[in-house]
Amino acid sequence: MKLPKLPGQKESPKLWPPTFPETTIPTPFGKVHLPEHKIGLPKLPPSRPDVVEDLHFAELRKMLTPRQYDEFIKQDKIAPAVVAMARALTK
């Protein structure tokens, strides 16, 4: 797949590695030459929001009895948190 050339570009932008080719842009004050620019890939977010999860677990530890909290931790490994909480409170 080829991207279209913009006015003033000598070649089309590249998809991989992502780059903008050098170009010359006409302005009322003269032409502006822009060199080729390689676009850095964004970093992926962490696999889970640890801070929020840690705060959530700390609040649960305060609210639940030790037996309920242990059951919640065990159930949380095999089920979503809402289901794990329901199972922990019913046992």
Foldseek 3Di string as FASTA:
>chain_A
DFDDDDPFFPGGADVVQGKDAWGWDQDPVGIDTDHIGGDDDDDDDPPDDVVVVVVVLVVVPVVDDPQLSVQLVVVVVPDPNVVSNVVSVVD
